[in-house]
Amino acid sequence: MASREDILILGLTAGVVGSLTGGLMLGIGLGLVSQSVHVGWLLVLPAGPVAGLLGYALARRLVKREAQM
């Protein structure tokens, strides 16, 4: 069973990493779209799901680590 500390660190890490990655993709993509480079939509649209997938990957790593102990 994961401790409170592990869950707190997981939440903070997932939030920070997801925000940085998703925000960077969103910012660069919107910058490209505003300059009429429509390839920027390929960065804008998956920005949210990519941020969520990073949190999911971190959670799976925590569960795997707890199962080994």
PDB file of N, CA and C in Angstrom:
ATOM      1  N   MET A   1       0.844  -1.180   0.000  1.00  0.00           N
ATOM      2  CA  MET A   1       0.000   0.000   0.000  1.00  0.00           C
ATOM      3  C   MET A   1       0.888   1.242   0.000  1.00  0.00           C
ATOM      4  N   ALA A   2       0.590   2.153  -0.872  1.00  0.00           N
ATOM      5  CA  ALA A   2       1.373   3.390  -0.963  1.00  0.00           C
ATOM      6  C   ALA A   2       1.069   4.284   0.233  1.00  0.00           C
ATOM      7  N   SER A   3       2.088   4.916   0.745  1.00  0.00           N
ATOM      8  CA  SER A   3       1.906   5.796   1.895  1.00  0.00           C
ATOM      9  C   SER A   3       1.403   7.164   1.428  1.00  0.00           C
ATOM     10  N   ARG A   4       1.003   7.968   2.392  1.00  0.00           N
ATOM     11  CA  ARG A   4       0.539   9.317   2.067  1.00  0.00           C
ATOM     12  C   ARG A   4       1.637  10.121   1.388  1.00  0.00           C
ATOM     13  N   GLU A   5       2.845   9.916   1.861  1.00  0.00           N
ATOM     14  CA  GLU A   5       3.975  10.647   1.288  1.00  0.00           C
ATOM     15  C   GLU A   5       4.150  10.308  -0.191  1.00  0.00           C
ATOM     16  N   ASP A   6       4.059   9.014  -0.526  1.00  0.00           N
ATOM     17  CA  ASP A   6       4.203   8.597  -1.920  1.00  0.00           C
ATOM     18  C   ASP A   6       3.112   9.200  -2.792  1.00  0.00           C
ATOM     19  N   ILE A   7       1.889   9.199  -2.289  1.00  0.00           N
ATOM     20  CA  ILE A   7       0.767   9.738  -3.059  1.00  0.00           C
ATOM     21  C   ILE A   7       0.906  11.245  -3.235  1.00  0.00           C
ATOM     22  N   LEU A   8       1.346  11.934  -2.191  1.00  0.00           N
ATOM     23  CA  LEU A   8       1.545  13.379  -2.279  1.00  0.00           C
ATOM     24  C   LEU A   8       2.638  13.720  -3.285  1.00  0.00           C
ATOM     25  N   ILE A   9       3.755  13.015  -3.206  1.00  0.00           N
ATOM     26  CA  ILE A   9       4.854  13.259  -4.142  1.00  0.00           C
ATOM     27  C   ILE A   9       4.421  12.934  -5.567  1.00  0.00           C
ATOM     28  N   LEU A  10       3.650  11.852  -5.738  1.00  0.00           N
ATOM     29  CA  LEU A  10       3.148  11.492  -7.061  1.00  0.00           C
ATOM     30  C   LEU A  10       2.276  12.609  -7.619  1.00  0.00           C
ATOM     31  N   GLY A  11       1.372  13.133  -6.809  1.00  0.00           N
ATOM     32  CA  GLY A  11       0.490  14.206  -7.268  1.00  0.00           C
ATOM     33  C   GLY A  11       1.251  15.465  -7.635  1.00  0.00           C
ATOM     34  N   LEU A  12       2.195  15.844  -6.791  1.00  0.00           N
ATOM     35  CA  LEU A  12       2.981  17.046  -7.081  1.00  0.00           C
ATOM     36  C   LEU A  12       3.841  16.868  -8.328  1.00  0.00           C
ATOM     37  N   THR A  13       4.477  15.720  -8.437  1.00  0.00           N
ATOM     38  CA  THR A  13       5.334  15.465  -9.597  1.00  0.00           C
ATOM     39  C   THR A  13       4.520  15.423 -10.881  1.00  0.00           C
ATOM     40  N   ALA A  14       3.393  14.716 -10.845  1.00  0.00           N
ATOM     41  CA  ALA A  14       2.548  14.626 -12.037  1.00  0.00           C
ATOM     42  C   ALA A  14       2.012  15.998 -12.424  1.00  0.00           C
ATOM     43  N   GLY A  15       1.636  16.794 -11.441  1.00  0.00           N
ATOM     44  CA  GLY A  15       1.124  18.127 -11.733  1.00  0.00           C
ATOM     45  C   GLY A  15       2.170  19.036 -12.345  1.00  0.00           C
ATOM     46  N   VAL A  16       3.357  19.032 -11.774  1.00  0.00           N
ATOM     47  CA  VAL A  16       4.418  19.910 -12.275  1.00  0.00           C
ATOM     48  C   VAL A  16       4.888  19.465 -13.658  1.00  0.00           C
ATOM     49  N   VAL A  17       5.178  18.186 -13.807  1.00  0.00           N
ATOM     50  CA  VAL A  17       5.676  17.691 -15.095  1.00  0.00           C
ATOM     51  C   VAL A  17       4.602  17.826 -16.172  1.00  0.00           C
ATOM     52  N   GLY A  18       3.362  17.493 -15.823  1.00  0.00           N
ATOM     53  CA  GLY A  18       2.276  17.622 -16.792  1.00  0.00           C
ATOM     54  C   GLY A  18       2.034  19.056 -17.205  1.00  0.00           C
ATOM     55  N   SER A  19       2.072  19.969 -16.246  1.00  0.00           N
ATOM     56  CA  SER A  19       1.867  21.386 -16.569  1.00  0.00           C
ATOM     57  C   SER A  19       2.980  21.929 -17.451  1.00  0.00           C
ATOM     58  N   LEU A  20       4.214  21.580 -17.121  1.00  0.00           N
ATOM     59  CA  LEU A  20       5.332  22.071 -17.929  1.00  0.00           C
ATOM     60  C   LEU A  20       5.285  21.520 -19.354  1.00  0.00           C
ATOM     61  N   THR A  21       5.055  20.231 -19.473  1.00  0.00           N
ATOM     62  CA  THR A  21       5.036  19.613 -20.797  1.00  0.00           C
ATOM     63  C   THR A  21       3.836  20.080 -21.611  1.00  0.00           C
ATOM     64  N   GLY A  22       2.647  20.006 -21.007  1.00  0.00           N
ATOM     65  CA  GLY A  22       1.441  20.438 -21.712  1.00  0.00           C
ATOM     66  C   GLY A  22       1.472  21.917 -22.045  1.00  0.00           C
ATOM     67  N   GLY A  23       1.943  22.728 -21.113  1.00  0.00           N
ATOM     68  CA  GLY A  23       2.022  24.163 -21.357  1.00  0.00           C
ATOM     69  C   GLY A  23       3.013  24.517 -22.447  1.00  0.00           C
ATOM     70  N   LEU A  24       4.129  23.816 -22.472  1.00  0.00           N
ATOM     71  CA  LEU A  24       5.126  24.056 -23.515  1.00  0.00           C
ATOM     72  C   LEU A  24       4.568  23.681 -24.887  1.00  0.00           C
ATOM     73  N   MET A  25       3.908  22.531 -24.970  1.00  0.00           N
ATOM     74  CA  MET A  25       3.304  22.123 -26.238  1.00  0.00           C
ATOM     75  C   MET A  25       2.229  23.115 -26.666  1.00  0.00           C
ATOM     76  N   LEU A  26       1.412  23.549 -25.708  1.00  0.00           N
ATOM     77  CA  LEU A  26       0.343  24.496 -26.009  1.00  0.00           C
ATOM     78  C   LEU A  26       0.918  25.835 -26.467  1.00  0.00           C
ATOM     79  N   GLY A  27       1.920  26.331 -25.765  1.00  0.00           N
ATOM     80  CA  GLY A  27       2.506  27.618 -26.120  1.00  0.00           C
ATOM     81  C   GLY A  27       3.161  27.624 -27.487  1.00  0.00           C
ATOM     82  N   ILE A  28       3.962  26.610 -27.754  1.00  0.00           N
ATOM     83  CA  ILE A  28       4.632  26.539 -29.059  1.00  0.00           C
ATOM     84  C   ILE A  28       3.608  26.337 -30.166  1.00  0.00           C
ATOM     85  N   GLY A  29       2.634  25.457 -29.920  1.00  0.00           N
ATOM     86  CA  GLY A  29       1.607  25.200 -30.933  1.00  0.00           C
ATOM     87  C   GLY A  29       0.773  26.429 -31.245  1.00  0.00           C
ATOM     88  N   LEU A  30       0.337  27.156 -30.210  1.00  0.00           N
ATOM     89  CA  LEU A  30      -0.453  28.363 -30.456  1.00  0.00           C
ATOM     90  C   LEU A  30       0.387  29.451 -31.117  1.00  0.00           C
ATOM     91  N   GLY A  31       1.670  29.510 -30.788  1.00  0.00           N
ATOM     92  CA  GLY A  31       2.551  30.452 -31.474  1.00  0.00           C
ATOM     93  C   GLY A  31       2.628  30.161 -32.963  1.00  0.00           C
ATOM     94  N   LEU A  32       2.724  28.889 -33.302  1.00  0.00           N
ATOM     95  CA  LEU A  32       2.759  28.511 -34.718  1.00  0.00           C
ATOM     96  C   LEU A  32       1.429  28.789 -35.405  1.00  0.00           C
ATOM     97  N   VAL A  33       0.322  28.454 -34.737  1.00  0.00           N
ATOM     98  CA  VAL A  33      -1.000  28.660 -35.332  1.00  0.00           C
ATOM     99  C   VAL A  33      -1.264  30.145 -35.546  1.00  0.00           C
ATOM    100  N   SER A  34      -0.839  30.984 -34.605  1.00  0.00           N
ATOM    101  CA  SER A  34      -1.076  32.426 -34.758  1.00  0.00           C
ATOM    102  C   SER A  34      -0.272  33.022 -35.913  1.00  0.00           C
ATOM    103  N   GLN A  35       0.772  32.325 -36.349  1.00  0.00           N
ATOM    104  CA  GLN A  35       1.558  32.779 -37.497  1.00  0.00           C
ATOM    105  C   GLN A  35       1.150  32.045 -38.774  1.00  0.00           C
ATOM    106  N   SER A  36      -0.034  31.433 -38.750  1.00  0.00           N
ATOM    107  CA  SER A  36      -0.616  30.716 -39.894  1.00  0.00           C
ATOM    108  C   SER A  36       0.185  29.490 -40.309  1.00  0.00           C
ATOM    109  N   VAL A  37       0.862  28.878 -39.365  1.00  0.00           N
ATOM    110  CA  VAL A  37       1.527  27.596 -39.610  1.00  0.00           C
ATOM    111  C   VAL A  37       0.628  26.540 -38.973  1.00  0.00           C
ATOM    112  N   HIS A  38      -0.184  25.912 -39.798  1.00  0.00           N
ATOM    113  CA  HIS A  38      -1.230  25.040 -39.280  1.00  0.00           C
ATOM    114  C   HIS A  38      -0.712  23.721 -38.717  1.00  0.00           C
ATOM    115  N   VAL A  39       0.554  23.439 -38.900  1.00  0.00           N
ATOM    116  CA  VAL A  39       1.151  22.256 -38.283  1.00  0.00           C
ATOM    117  C   VAL A  39       1.147  22.406 -36.763  1.00  0.00           C
ATOM    118  N   GLY A  40       1.040  23.639 -36.278  1.00  0.00           N
ATOM    119  CA  GLY A  40       0.986  23.891 -34.838  1.00  0.00           C
ATOM    120  C   GLY A  40      -0.172  23.202 -34.151  1.00  0.00           C
ATOM    121  N   TRP A  41      -1.246  22.925 -34.901  1.00  0.00           N
ATOM    122  CA  TRP A  41      -2.382  22.208 -34.307  1.00  0.00           C
ATOM    123  C   TRP A  41      -1.977  20.812 -33.844  1.00  0.00           C
ATOM    124  N   LEU A  42      -0.943  20.251 -34.469  1.00  0.00           N
ATOM    125  CA  LEU A  42      -0.476  18.926 -34.044  1.00  0.00           C
ATOM    126  C   LEU A  42       0.174  18.973 -32.667  1.00  0.00           C
ATOM    127  N   LEU A  43       0.569  20.143 -32.216  1.00  0.00           N
ATOM    128  CA  LEU A  43       1.084  20.307 -30.855  1.00  0.00           C
ATOM    129  C   LEU A  43      -0.008  20.744 -29.889  1.00  0.00           C
ATOM    130  N   VAL A  44      -0.946  21.567 -30.372  1.00  0.00           N
ATOM    131  CA  VAL A  44      -1.981  22.115 -29.490  1.00  0.00           C
ATOM    132  C   VAL A  44      -2.964  21.034 -29.054  1.00  0.00           C
ATOM    133  N   LEU A  45      -3.458  20.256 -29.992  1.00  0.00           N
ATOM    134  CA  LEU A  45      -4.542  19.317 -29.683  1.00  0.00           C
ATOM    135  C   LEU A  45      -4.155  18.220 -28.691  1.00  0.00           C
ATOM    136  N   PRO A  46      -2.987  17.589 -28.792  1.00  0.00           N
ATOM    137  CA  PRO A  46      -2.674  16.538 -27.814  1.00  0.00           C
ATOM    138  C   PRO A  46      -2.007  17.039 -26.534  1.00  0.00           C
ATOM    139  N   ALA A  47      -1.940  18.344 -26.307  1.00  0.00           N
ATOM    140  CA  ALA A  47      -1.215  18.863 -25.139  1.00  0.00           C
ATOM    141  C   ALA A  47      -1.823  18.371 -23.829  1.00  0.00           C
ATOM    142  N   GLY A  48      -3.143  18.414 -23.702  1.00  0.00           N
ATOM    143  CA  GLY A  48      -3.798  17.964 -22.469  1.00  0.00           C
ATOM    144  C   GLY A  48      -3.638  16.474 -22.220  1.00  0.00           C
ATOM    145  N   PRO A  49      -3.975  15.635 -23.202  1.00  0.00           N
ATOM    146  CA  PRO A  49      -3.802  14.197 -22.989  1.00  0.00           C
ATOM    147  C   PRO A  49      -2.364  13.772 -22.718  1.00  0.00           C
ATOM    148  N   VAL A  50      -1.402  14.427 -23.329  1.00  0.00           N
ATOM    149  CA  VAL A  50       0.004  14.080 -23.067  1.00  0.00           C
ATOM    150  C   VAL A  50       0.348  14.375 -21.618  1.00  0.00           C
ATOM    151  N   ALA A  51      -0.139  15.507 -21.113  1.00  0.00           N
ATOM    152  CA  ALA A  51       0.111  15.855 -19.715  1.00  0.00           C
ATOM    153  C   ALA A  51      -0.511  14.811 -18.785  1.00  0.00           C
ATOM    154  N   GLY A  52      -1.707  14.345 -19.108  1.00  0.00           N
ATOM    155  CA  GLY A  52      -2.353  13.315 -18.300  1.00  0.00           C
ATOM    156  C   GLY A  52      -1.643  11.976 -18.378  1.00  0.00           C
ATOM    157  N   LEU A  53      -1.145  11.636 -19.551  1.00  0.00           N
ATOM    158  CA  LEU A  53      -0.439  10.363 -19.713  1.00  0.00           C
ATOM    159  C   LEU A  53       0.850  10.326 -18.910  1.00  0.00           C
ATOM    160  N   LEU A  54       1.488  11.471 -18.750  1.00  0.00           N
ATOM    161  CA  LEU A  54       2.694  11.502 -17.915  1.00  0.00           C
ATOM    162  C   LEU A  54       2.352  11.168 -16.464  1.00  0.00           C
ATOM    163  N   GLY A  55       1.254  11.714 -15.962  1.00  0.00           N
ATOM    164  CA  GLY A  55       0.815  11.384 -14.608  1.00  0.00           C
ATOM    165  C   GLY A  55       0.455   9.915 -14.476  1.00  0.00           C
ATOM    166  N   TYR A  56      -0.195   9.372 -15.495  1.00  0.00           N
ATOM    167  CA  TYR A  56      -0.559   7.956 -15.492  1.00  0.00           C
ATOM    168  C   TYR A  56       0.694   7.073 -15.464  1.00  0.00           C
ATOM    169  N   ALA A  57       1.699   7.447 -16.247  1.00  0.00           N
ATOM    170  CA  ALA A  57       2.947   6.675 -16.270  1.00  0.00           C
ATOM    171  C   ALA A  57       3.645   6.725 -14.914  1.00  0.00           C
ATOM    172  N   LEU A  58       3.631   7.882 -14.271  1.00  0.00           N
ATOM    173  CA  LEU A  58       4.242   7.994 -12.944  1.00  0.00           C
ATOM    174  C   LEU A  58       3.490   7.142 -11.923  1.00  0.00           C
ATOM    175  N   ALA A  59       2.165   7.106 -12.023  1.00  0.00           N
ATOM    176  CA  ALA A  59       1.372   6.293 -11.098  1.00  0.00           C
ATOM    177  C   ALA A  59       1.647   4.804 -11.299  1.00  0.00           C
ATOM    178  N   ARG A  60       1.756   4.379 -12.548  1.00  0.00           N
ATOM    179  CA  ARG A  60       2.062   2.967 -12.811  1.00  0.00           C
ATOM    180  C   ARG A  60       3.437   2.593 -12.269  1.00  0.00           C
ATOM    181  N   ARG A  61       4.394   3.513 -12.378  1.00  0.00           N
ATOM    182  CA  ARG A  61       5.730   3.250 -11.842  1.00  0.00           C
ATOM    183  C   ARG A  61       5.685   3.103 -10.324  1.00  0.00           C
ATOM    184  N   LEU A  62       4.871   3.924  -9.660  1.00  0.00           N
ATOM    185  CA  LEU A  62       4.729   3.823  -8.209  1.00  0.00           C
ATOM    186  C   LEU A  62       4.105   2.486  -7.817  1.00  0.00           C
ATOM    187  N   VAL A  63       3.079   2.058  -8.537  1.00  0.00           N
ATOM    188  CA  VAL A  63       2.425   0.779  -8.235  1.00  0.00           C
ATOM    189  C   VAL A  63       3.391  -0.375  -8.453  1.00  0.00           C
ATOM    190  N   LYS A  64       4.170  -0.314  -9.533  1.00  0.00           N
ATOM    191  CA  LYS A  64       5.141  -1.380  -9.803  1.00  0.00           C
ATOM    192  C   LYS A  64       6.193  -1.441  -8.698  1.00  0.00           C
ATOM    193  N   ARG A  65       6.645  -0.271  -8.236  1.00  0.00           N
ATOM    194  CA  ARG A  65       7.647  -0.228  -7.172  1.00  0.00           C
ATOM    195  C   ARG A  65       7.084  -0.784  -5.871  1.00  0.00           C
ATOM    196  N   GLU A  66       5.822  -0.476  -5.577  1.00  0.00           N
ATOM    197  CA  GLU A  66       5.190  -0.981  -4.358  1.00  0.00           C
ATOM    198  C   GLU A  66       4.966  -2.492  -4.436  1.00  0.00           C
ATOM    199  N   ALA A  67       4.693  -3.010  -5.625  1.00  0.00           N
ATOM    200  CA  ALA A  67       4.469  -4.446  -5.777  1.00  0.00           C
ATOM    201  C   ALA A  67       5.759  -5.235  -5.571  1.00  0.00           C
ATOM    202  N   GLN A  68       6.893  -4.641  -5.880  1.00  0.00           N
ATOM    203  CA  GLN A  68       8.170  -5.330  -5.719  1.00  0.00           C
ATOM    204  C   GLN A  68       8.599  -5.406  -4.261  1.00  0.00           C
ATOM    205  N   MET A  69       8.109  -4.493  -3.443  1.00  0.00           N
ATOM    206  CA  MET A  69       8.518  -4.468  -2.030  1.00  0.00           C
ATOM    207  C   MET A  69       7.798  -5.500  -1.224  1.00  0.00           C
TER     208      MET A  69
END
